[in-house]
């Protein structure tokens, strides 16, 4: 169980670090990061993916030089 949590945490960090250059990439990376976070927290994966997409799109719109 601990290995699963570690893998999920590392995946979340890797996905969160990659914003993406296009809107499509941002959607994919955000969904992956959100789903990984939801898996780590044992929450709904679809909701986590949706929140991740929204957060990544908003972040990249507000901070274009950091994406």
C-alpha atoms as a PDB file:
ATOM      1  CA  UNK A   1       0.000   0.000   0.000  1.00  0.00           C
ATOM      2  CA  UNK A   2       2.836   2.370   0.818  1.00  0.00           C
ATOM      3  CA  UNK A   3       4.425   1.737  -2.593  1.00  0.00           C
ATOM      4  CA  UNK A   4       1.139   2.654  -4.288  1.00  0.00           C
ATOM      5  CA  UNK A   5       1.021   5.950  -2.424  1.00  0.00           C
ATOM      6  CA  UNK A   6       4.638   6.707  -3.277  1.00  0.00           C
ATOM      7  CA  UNK A   7       4.124   5.969  -6.965  1.00  0.00           C
ATOM      8  CA  UNK A   8       0.988   8.104  -7.045  1.00  0.00           C
ATOM      9  CA  UNK A   9       2.759  10.993  -5.294  1.00  0.00           C
ATOM     10  CA  UNK A  10       5.704  10.868  -7.689  1.00  0.00           C
ATOM     11  CA  UNK A  11       3.369  10.704 -10.670  1.00  0.00           C
ATOM     12  CA  UNK A  12       1.445  13.691  -9.370  1.00  0.00           C
ATOM     13  CA  UNK A  13       4.635  15.717  -8.968  1.00  0.00           C
ATOM     14  CA  UNK A  14       5.809  14.844 -12.461  1.00  0.00           C
ATOM     15  CA  UNK A  15       2.499  15.688 -14.047  1.00  0.00           C
ATOM     16  CA  UNK A  16       2.079  18.897 -12.100  1.00  0.00           C
ATOM     17  CA  UNK A  17       5.496  20.095 -13.250  1.00  0.00           C
ATOM     18  CA  UNK A  18       4.529  19.748 -16.918  1.00  0.00           C
ATOM     19  CA  UNK A  19       2.070  22.454 -17.941  1.00  0.00           C
ATOM     20  CA  UNK A  20       2.024  21.843 -21.680  1.00  0.00           C
ATOM     21  CA  UNK A  21       2.514  24.170 -24.633  1.00  0.00           C
ATOM     22  CA  UNK A  22      -0.922  23.859 -26.242  1.00  0.00           C
ATOM     23  CA  UNK A  23      -4.420  23.797 -24.796  1.00  0.00           C
ATOM     24  CA  UNK A  24      -4.699  20.098 -25.618  1.00  0.00           C
ATOM     25  CA  UNK A  25      -1.498  19.293 -23.756  1.00  0.00           C
ATOM     26  CA  UNK A  26      -2.648  21.363 -20.795  1.00  0.00           C
ATOM     27  CA  UNK A  27      -5.915  19.423 -20.688  1.00  0.00           C
ATOM     28  CA  UNK A  28      -4.120  16.064 -20.791  1.00  0.00           C
ATOM     29  CA  UNK A  29      -1.519  16.999 -18.171  1.00  0.00           C
ATOM     30  CA  UNK A  30      -4.116  18.578 -15.903  1.00  0.00           C
ATOM     31  CA  UNK A  31      -6.392  15.554 -16.153  1.00  0.00           C
ATOM     32  CA  UNK A  32      -3.506  13.229 -15.372  1.00  0.00           C
ATOM     33  CA  UNK A  33      -2.373  15.244 -12.390  1.00  0.00           C
ATOM     34  CA  UNK A  34      -5.912  15.548 -11.052  1.00  0.00           C
ATOM     35  CA  UNK A  35      -6.639  11.856 -11.473  1.00  0.00           C
ATOM     36  CA  UNK A  36      -3.329  10.944  -9.814  1.00  0.00           C
ATOM     37  CA  UNK A  37      -4.148  13.209  -6.886  1.00  0.00           C
ATOM     38  CA  UNK A  38      -7.607  11.687  -6.589  1.00  0.00           C
ATOM     39  CA  UNK A  39      -6.136   8.190  -6.662  1.00  0.00           C
ATOM     40  CA  UNK A  40      -3.708   9.177  -3.934  1.00  0.00           C
ATOM     41  CA  UNK A  41      -6.558  10.487  -1.809  1.00  0.00           C
ATOM     42  CA  UNK A  42      -8.866   7.576  -2.707  1.00  0.00           C
ATOM     43  CA  UNK A  43     -11.388  10.016  -4.212  1.00  0.00           C
ATOM     44  CA  UNK A  44     -13.436  10.096  -7.415  1.00  0.00           C
ATOM     45  CA  UNK A  45     -11.023   9.939 -10.377  1.00  0.00           C
ATOM     46  CA  UNK A  46     -13.323  11.749 -12.816  1.00  0.00           C
ATOM     47  CA  UNK A  47     -13.842  14.646 -10.420  1.00  0.00           C
ATOM     48  CA  UNK A  48     -10.113  14.787  -9.744  1.00  0.00           C
ATOM     49  CA  UNK A  49      -9.375  14.863 -13.466  1.00  0.00           C
ATOM     50  CA  UNK A  50     -11.906  17.664 -14.027  1.00  0.00           C
ATOM     51  CA  UNK A  51     -10.445  19.737 -11.205  1.00  0.00           C
ATOM     52  CA  UNK A  52      -6.926  19.128 -12.538  1.00  0.00           C
ATOM     53  CA  UNK A  53      -7.902  20.297 -16.031  1.00  0.00           C
ATOM     54  CA  UNK A  54      -9.536  23.449 -14.712  1.00  0.00           C
ATOM     55  CA  UNK A  55      -6.633  24.249 -12.394  1.00  0.00           C
ATOM     56  CA  UNK A  56      -4.013  23.738 -15.096  1.00  0.00           C
ATOM     57  CA  UNK A  57      -5.888  25.833 -17.655  1.00  0.00           C
ATOM     58  CA  UNK A  58      -6.455  28.684 -15.209  1.00  0.00           C
ATOM     59  CA  UNK A  59      -2.868  28.584 -13.941  1.00  0.00           C
ATOM     60  CA  UNK A  60      -1.404  28.704 -17.442  1.00  0.00           C
ATOM     61  CA  UNK A  61      -3.729  31.549 -18.455  1.00  0.00           C
ATOM     62  CA  UNK A  62      -2.735  33.575 -15.389  1.00  0.00           C
ATOM     63  CA  UNK A  63       1.006  32.718 -15.614  1.00  0.00           C
ATOM     64  CA  UNK A  64       1.873  32.202 -19.290  1.00  0.00           C
ATOM     65  CA  UNK A  65       5.622  32.609 -18.759  1.00  0.00           C
ATOM     66  CA  UNK A  66       5.670  29.763 -16.243  1.00  0.00           C
ATOM     67  CA  UNK A  67       4.015  27.282 -18.582  1.00  0.00           C
END
